[in-house]
Amino acid sequence: MGKFIIRNLPSREMAPGITLREAHLQKVMVSFIHLEPGSVVKEHRHPHEQISVVIAGKLRMTAAGETVVLEAGQGLLVPANALHSAEALAAEVWAYDSFSPIREDYVMS
């Protein structure tokens, strides 16, 4: 067991206006993401399954050709290797993504 405080986790800018913090075990990872209004996660894919959940703000996500707008308390299941992207709408967005297996490229600690 390991307690953590999100704001104290190491952070890095993933793209302009997008900050990532992460926590992980051997087989599961959670990334905590802050997106400035209008910031964009470019279309990409990876072999990891992903569950994205919005905590605050509105996030437009496209996955496997379908576009949805997610608000606080809503999420999206992204299968492995599905093309997906995201855009923060009018206000800042706080969200988290769960990945399995962990994304080695996101590991900071």
N, C-alpha and C. Protein backbone atom coordinates (compact mmCIF):
# COMPACT_ATOMS: atom_id res chain seq x y z
N MET A 1 0.85 -1.18 0.00
CA MET A 1 0.00 0.00 0.00
C MET A 1 0.89 1.23 0.00
N GLY A 2 0.49 2.26 -0.70
CA GLY A 2 1.27 3.48 -0.75
C GLY A 2 0.37 4.69 -0.93
N LYS A 3 0.25 5.50 0.10
CA LYS A 3 -0.57 6.71 0.03
C LYS A 3 0.14 7.76 -0.80
N PHE A 4 -0.63 8.53 -1.56
CA PHE A 4 -0.06 9.64 -2.31
C PHE A 4 -1.02 10.81 -2.31
N ILE A 5 -0.48 11.99 -2.56
CA ILE A 5 -1.28 13.21 -2.73
C ILE A 5 -1.08 13.65 -4.16
N ILE A 6 -2.16 13.77 -4.91
CA ILE A 6 -2.06 14.03 -6.35
C ILE A 6 -1.19 15.25 -6.65
N ARG A 7 -1.43 16.36 -5.98
CA ARG A 7 -0.67 17.59 -6.29
C ARG A 7 0.83 17.46 -6.00
N ASN A 8 1.21 16.46 -5.18
CA ASN A 8 2.63 16.26 -4.86
C ASN A 8 3.32 15.26 -5.78
N LEU A 9 2.58 14.61 -6.67
CA LEU A 9 3.20 13.68 -7.60
C LEU A 9 4.05 14.45 -8.61
N PRO A 10 5.13 13.85 -9.11
CA PRO A 10 5.90 14.52 -10.17
C PRO A 10 5.00 14.84 -11.36
N SER A 11 5.28 15.93 -12.04
CA SER A 11 4.46 16.30 -13.19
C SER A 11 5.34 16.62 -14.39
N ARG A 12 4.72 16.55 -15.56
CA ARG A 12 5.41 16.97 -16.78
C ARG A 12 4.36 17.43 -17.79
N GLU A 13 4.80 18.34 -18.65
CA GLU A 13 3.92 18.83 -19.70
C GLU A 13 3.98 17.84 -20.86
N MET A 14 2.83 17.27 -21.20
CA MET A 14 2.76 16.27 -22.26
C MET A 14 2.62 16.93 -23.64
N ALA A 15 1.99 18.08 -23.67
CA ALA A 15 1.78 18.88 -24.88
C ALA A 15 1.44 20.28 -24.38
N PRO A 16 1.45 21.28 -25.24
CA PRO A 16 1.12 22.63 -24.77
C PRO A 16 -0.23 22.64 -24.03
N GLY A 17 -0.22 23.10 -22.77
CA GLY A 17 -1.44 23.22 -21.99
C GLY A 17 -1.91 21.94 -21.33
N ILE A 18 -1.12 20.87 -21.40
CA ILE A 18 -1.54 19.58 -20.84
C ILE A 18 -0.47 19.08 -19.87
N THR A 19 -0.86 18.96 -18.59
CA THR A 19 0.05 18.50 -17.54
C THR A 19 -0.40 17.14 -17.03
N LEU A 20 0.57 16.25 -16.85
CA LEU A 20 0.30 14.87 -16.42
C LEU A 20 1.00 14.58 -15.11
N ARG A 21 0.30 13.88 -14.23
CA ARG A 21 0.87 13.27 -13.03
C ARG A 21 0.43 11.82 -13.06
N GLU A 22 1.22 10.90 -12.49
CA GLU A 22 0.83 9.50 -12.55
C GLU A 22 1.17 8.75 -11.29
N ALA A 23 0.41 7.67 -11.06
CA ALA A 23 0.68 6.71 -10.00
C ALA A 23 0.47 5.33 -10.62
N HIS A 24 1.31 4.36 -10.22
CA HIS A 24 1.17 3.05 -10.83
C HIS A 24 1.64 1.94 -9.90
N LEU A 25 1.17 0.75 -10.21
CA LEU A 25 1.65 -0.48 -9.61
C LEU A 25 2.30 -1.28 -10.74
N GLN A 26 2.40 -2.59 -10.62
CA GLN A 26 3.01 -3.37 -11.68
C GLN A 26 2.11 -3.55 -12.89
N LYS A 27 0.77 -3.59 -12.70
CA LYS A 27 -0.14 -3.92 -13.79
C LYS A 27 -1.20 -2.87 -14.09
N VAL A 28 -1.24 -1.81 -13.32
CA VAL A 28 -2.27 -0.79 -13.53
C VAL A 28 -1.67 0.59 -13.25
N MET A 29 -2.17 1.57 -13.99
CA MET A 29 -1.68 2.94 -13.86
C MET A 29 -2.87 3.90 -13.91
N VAL A 30 -2.74 4.99 -13.16
CA VAL A 30 -3.70 6.09 -13.24
C VAL A 30 -2.89 7.35 -13.53
N SER A 31 -3.31 8.09 -14.55
CA SER A 31 -2.69 9.37 -14.83
C SER A 31 -3.72 10.46 -14.55
N PHE A 32 -3.29 11.49 -13.86
CA PHE A 32 -4.13 12.63 -13.51
C PHE A 32 -3.73 13.75 -14.45
N ILE A 33 -4.71 14.29 -15.17
CA ILE A 33 -4.42 15.21 -16.26
C ILE A 33 -5.13 16.55 -16.06
N HIS A 34 -4.39 17.62 -16.29
CA HIS A 34 -4.96 18.97 -16.31
C HIS A 34 -4.79 19.51 -17.72
N LEU A 35 -5.90 19.96 -18.31
CA LEU A 35 -5.87 20.52 -19.67
C LEU A 35 -6.36 21.96 -19.62
N GLU A 36 -5.57 22.86 -20.17
CA GLU A 36 -5.99 24.26 -20.31
C GLU A 36 -7.07 24.34 -21.38
N PRO A 37 -7.95 25.36 -21.31
CA PRO A 37 -9.00 25.50 -22.33
C PRO A 37 -8.41 25.49 -23.74
N GLY A 38 -9.01 24.72 -24.62
CA GLY A 38 -8.58 24.65 -26.01
C GLY A 38 -7.40 23.75 -26.28
N SER A 39 -6.79 23.17 -25.24
CA SER A 39 -5.65 22.29 -25.48
C SER A 39 -6.12 20.98 -26.11
N VAL A 40 -5.22 20.37 -26.88
CA VAL A 40 -5.58 19.21 -27.69
C VAL A 40 -4.61 18.05 -27.46
N VAL A 41 -5.17 16.88 -27.24
CA VAL A 41 -4.40 15.63 -27.25
C VAL A 41 -4.56 15.10 -28.67
N LYS A 42 -3.49 15.11 -29.44
CA LYS A 42 -3.55 14.69 -30.84
C LYS A 42 -3.95 13.23 -30.97
N GLU A 43 -4.53 12.91 -32.12
CA GLU A 43 -4.95 11.53 -32.38
C GLU A 43 -3.76 10.59 -32.27
N HIS A 44 -3.98 9.50 -31.55
CA HIS A 44 -2.92 8.52 -31.32
C HIS A 44 -3.55 7.17 -30.96
N ARG A 45 -2.73 6.17 -30.87
CA ARG A 45 -3.18 4.86 -30.42
C ARG A 45 -2.04 4.22 -29.63
N HIS A 46 -2.40 3.27 -28.79
CA HIS A 46 -1.43 2.52 -28.00
C HIS A 46 -2.03 1.17 -27.64
N PRO A 47 -1.19 0.21 -27.27
CA PRO A 47 -1.68 -1.14 -27.00
C PRO A 47 -2.35 -1.29 -25.64
N HIS A 48 -2.49 -0.22 -24.90
CA HIS A 48 -3.07 -0.27 -23.56
C HIS A 48 -4.57 -0.03 -23.61
N GLU A 49 -5.33 -0.73 -22.77
CA GLU A 49 -6.72 -0.39 -22.56
C GLU A 49 -6.74 0.87 -21.71
N GLN A 50 -7.75 1.73 -21.93
CA GLN A 50 -7.80 3.01 -21.24
C GLN A 50 -9.22 3.31 -20.81
N ILE A 51 -9.37 3.82 -19.60
CA ILE A 51 -10.65 4.34 -19.12
C ILE A 51 -10.40 5.79 -18.75
N SER A 52 -11.08 6.71 -19.42
CA SER A 52 -10.93 8.15 -19.16
C SER A 52 -12.15 8.66 -18.41
N VAL A 53 -11.94 9.45 -17.35
CA VAL A 53 -13.03 10.00 -16.56
C VAL A 53 -12.77 11.49 -16.35
N VAL A 54 -13.78 12.32 -16.59
CA VAL A 54 -13.67 13.76 -16.38
C VAL A 54 -14.11 14.08 -14.95
N ILE A 55 -13.29 14.85 -14.26
CA ILE A 55 -13.60 15.27 -12.90
C ILE A 55 -14.22 16.67 -12.91
N ALA A 56 -13.71 17.56 -13.78
CA ALA A 56 -14.23 18.93 -13.89
C ALA A 56 -14.02 19.41 -15.31
N GLY A 57 -14.95 20.26 -15.79
CA GLY A 57 -14.86 20.81 -17.13
C GLY A 57 -15.55 19.93 -18.16
N LYS A 58 -15.31 20.25 -19.43
CA LYS A 58 -15.89 19.49 -20.55
C LYS A 58 -14.77 19.10 -21.51
N LEU A 59 -14.80 17.84 -21.90
CA LEU A 59 -13.77 17.29 -22.76
C LEU A 59 -14.43 16.62 -23.96
N ARG A 60 -14.04 17.05 -25.16
CA ARG A 60 -14.52 16.37 -26.37
C ARG A 60 -13.52 15.27 -26.69
N MET A 61 -14.02 14.04 -26.75
CA MET A 61 -13.14 12.91 -27.07
C MET A 61 -13.68 12.18 -28.30
N THR A 62 -12.76 11.77 -29.13
CA THR A 62 -13.09 10.94 -30.28
C THR A 62 -12.31 9.65 -30.12
N ALA A 63 -13.02 8.52 -30.22
CA ALA A 63 -12.38 7.21 -30.12
C ALA A 63 -13.05 6.28 -31.12
N ALA A 64 -12.23 5.62 -31.91
CA ALA A 64 -12.72 4.66 -32.90
C ALA A 64 -13.81 5.28 -33.79
N GLY A 65 -13.63 6.57 -34.14
CA GLY A 65 -14.55 7.23 -35.06
C GLY A 65 -15.78 7.84 -34.43
N GLU A 66 -16.00 7.68 -33.12
CA GLU A 66 -17.16 8.26 -32.44
C GLU A 66 -16.70 9.42 -31.57
N THR A 67 -17.45 10.54 -31.63
CA THR A 67 -17.12 11.72 -30.83
C THR A 67 -18.19 11.93 -29.77
N VAL A 68 -17.73 12.19 -28.54
CA VAL A 68 -18.64 12.47 -27.43
C VAL A 68 -18.09 13.66 -26.66
N VAL A 69 -18.97 14.36 -25.95
CA VAL A 69 -18.55 15.41 -25.03
C VAL A 69 -18.80 14.87 -23.63
N LEU A 70 -17.73 14.84 -22.83
CA LEU A 70 -17.80 14.33 -21.47
C LEU A 70 -17.76 15.48 -20.49
N GLU A 71 -18.63 15.40 -19.47
CA GLU A 71 -18.65 16.37 -18.38
C GLU A 71 -18.27 15.66 -17.09
N ALA A 72 -18.15 16.42 -16.01
CA ALA A 72 -17.76 15.85 -14.72
C ALA A 72 -18.61 14.63 -14.39
N GLY A 73 -17.93 13.56 -14.01
CA GLY A 73 -18.61 12.32 -13.64
C GLY A 73 -18.88 11.38 -14.80
N GLN A 74 -18.48 11.77 -16.01
CA GLN A 74 -18.67 10.92 -17.18
C GLN A 74 -17.34 10.41 -17.68
N GLY A 75 -17.37 9.25 -18.33
CA GLY A 75 -16.13 8.66 -18.81
C GLY A 75 -16.30 7.96 -20.14
N LEU A 76 -15.18 7.47 -20.65
CA LEU A 76 -15.16 6.78 -21.94
C LEU A 76 -14.21 5.59 -21.85
N LEU A 77 -14.66 4.47 -22.39
CA LEU A 77 -13.83 3.27 -22.49
C LEU A 77 -13.15 3.28 -23.84
N VAL A 78 -11.82 3.19 -23.83
CA VAL A 78 -11.04 3.21 -25.06
C VAL A 78 -10.32 1.86 -25.19
N PRO A 79 -10.73 1.03 -26.15
CA PRO A 79 -10.07 -0.28 -26.31
C PRO A 79 -8.62 -0.14 -26.76
N ALA A 80 -7.86 -1.16 -26.53
CA ALA A 80 -6.46 -1.19 -26.98
C ALA A 80 -6.40 -0.94 -28.48
N ASN A 81 -5.44 -0.15 -28.91
CA ASN A 81 -5.16 0.16 -30.32
C ASN A 81 -6.22 1.00 -31.03
N ALA A 82 -7.21 1.52 -30.30
CA ALA A 82 -8.22 2.39 -30.92
C ALA A 82 -7.62 3.79 -31.12
N LEU A 83 -7.78 4.36 -32.31
CA LEU A 83 -7.38 5.75 -32.52
C LEU A 83 -8.25 6.64 -31.64
N HIS A 84 -7.63 7.59 -30.92
CA HIS A 84 -8.42 8.48 -30.09
C HIS A 84 -7.70 9.82 -29.91
N SER A 85 -8.49 10.83 -29.57
CA SER A 85 -7.98 12.18 -29.37
C SER A 85 -8.91 12.88 -28.38
N ALA A 86 -8.48 14.07 -27.92
CA ALA A 86 -9.30 14.82 -26.97
C ALA A 86 -9.03 16.31 -27.12
N GLU A 87 -10.03 17.11 -26.73
CA GLU A 87 -9.89 18.56 -26.74
C GLU A 87 -10.65 19.14 -25.56
N ALA A 88 -9.96 19.98 -24.77
CA ALA A 88 -10.61 20.69 -23.67
C ALA A 88 -11.48 21.79 -24.27
N LEU A 89 -12.71 21.88 -23.81
CA LEU A 89 -13.60 22.89 -24.34
C LEU A 89 -13.41 24.20 -23.57
N ALA A 90 -14.44 25.00 -23.34
CA ALA A 90 -14.33 26.38 -22.88
C ALA A 90 -13.57 26.60 -21.56
N ALA A 91 -13.58 25.64 -20.66
CA ALA A 91 -12.91 25.82 -19.36
C ALA A 91 -11.81 24.78 -19.20
N GLU A 92 -10.99 24.96 -18.16
CA GLU A 92 -9.97 23.95 -17.91
C GLU A 92 -10.63 22.62 -17.57
N VAL A 93 -9.91 21.55 -17.81
CA VAL A 93 -10.42 20.21 -17.57
C VAL A 93 -9.48 19.48 -16.62
N TRP A 94 -10.07 18.81 -15.65
CA TRP A 94 -9.35 17.88 -14.78
C TRP A 94 -9.92 16.51 -15.07
N ALA A 95 -9.07 15.54 -15.33
CA ALA A 95 -9.52 14.20 -15.68
C ALA A 95 -8.49 13.18 -15.20
N TYR A 96 -8.89 11.93 -15.25
CA TYR A 96 -7.90 10.88 -15.02
C TYR A 96 -8.11 9.76 -16.02
N ASP A 97 -7.02 9.10 -16.35
CA ASP A 97 -7.01 7.95 -17.25
C ASP A 97 -6.44 6.77 -16.49
N SER A 98 -7.08 5.63 -16.60
CA SER A 98 -6.55 4.38 -16.07
C SER A 98 -6.05 3.56 -17.25
N PHE A 99 -4.90 2.93 -17.09
CA PHE A 99 -4.31 2.13 -18.16
C PHE A 99 -3.95 0.74 -17.66
N SER A 100 -4.15 -0.22 -18.54
CA SER A 100 -3.64 -1.57 -18.29
C SER A 100 -3.22 -2.15 -19.62
N PRO A 101 -1.99 -2.68 -19.71
CA PRO A 101 -0.95 -2.60 -18.69
C PRO A 101 -0.47 -1.16 -18.55
N ILE A 102 0.46 -0.93 -17.62
CA ILE A 102 0.93 0.43 -17.41
C ILE A 102 1.63 0.96 -18.67
N ARG A 103 1.60 2.26 -18.83
CA ARG A 103 2.31 2.91 -19.94
C ARG A 103 3.70 3.27 -19.45
N GLU A 104 4.67 2.50 -19.86
CA GLU A 104 6.05 2.74 -19.44
C GLU A 104 6.51 4.14 -19.82
N ASP A 105 5.99 4.69 -20.95
CA ASP A 105 6.39 6.02 -21.39
C ASP A 105 5.86 7.13 -20.48
N TYR A 106 4.92 6.83 -19.59
CA TYR A 106 4.38 7.81 -18.65
C TYR A 106 5.02 7.72 -17.26
N VAL A 107 5.74 6.67 -16.98
CA VAL A 107 6.27 6.45 -15.63
C VAL A 107 7.29 7.54 -15.27
N MET A 108 7.05 8.21 -14.14
CA MET A 108 7.94 9.27 -13.68
C MET A 108 8.56 8.95 -12.32
N SER A 109 7.97 8.02 -11.60
CA SER A 109 8.46 7.77 -10.23
C SER A 109 9.02 6.37 -10.09
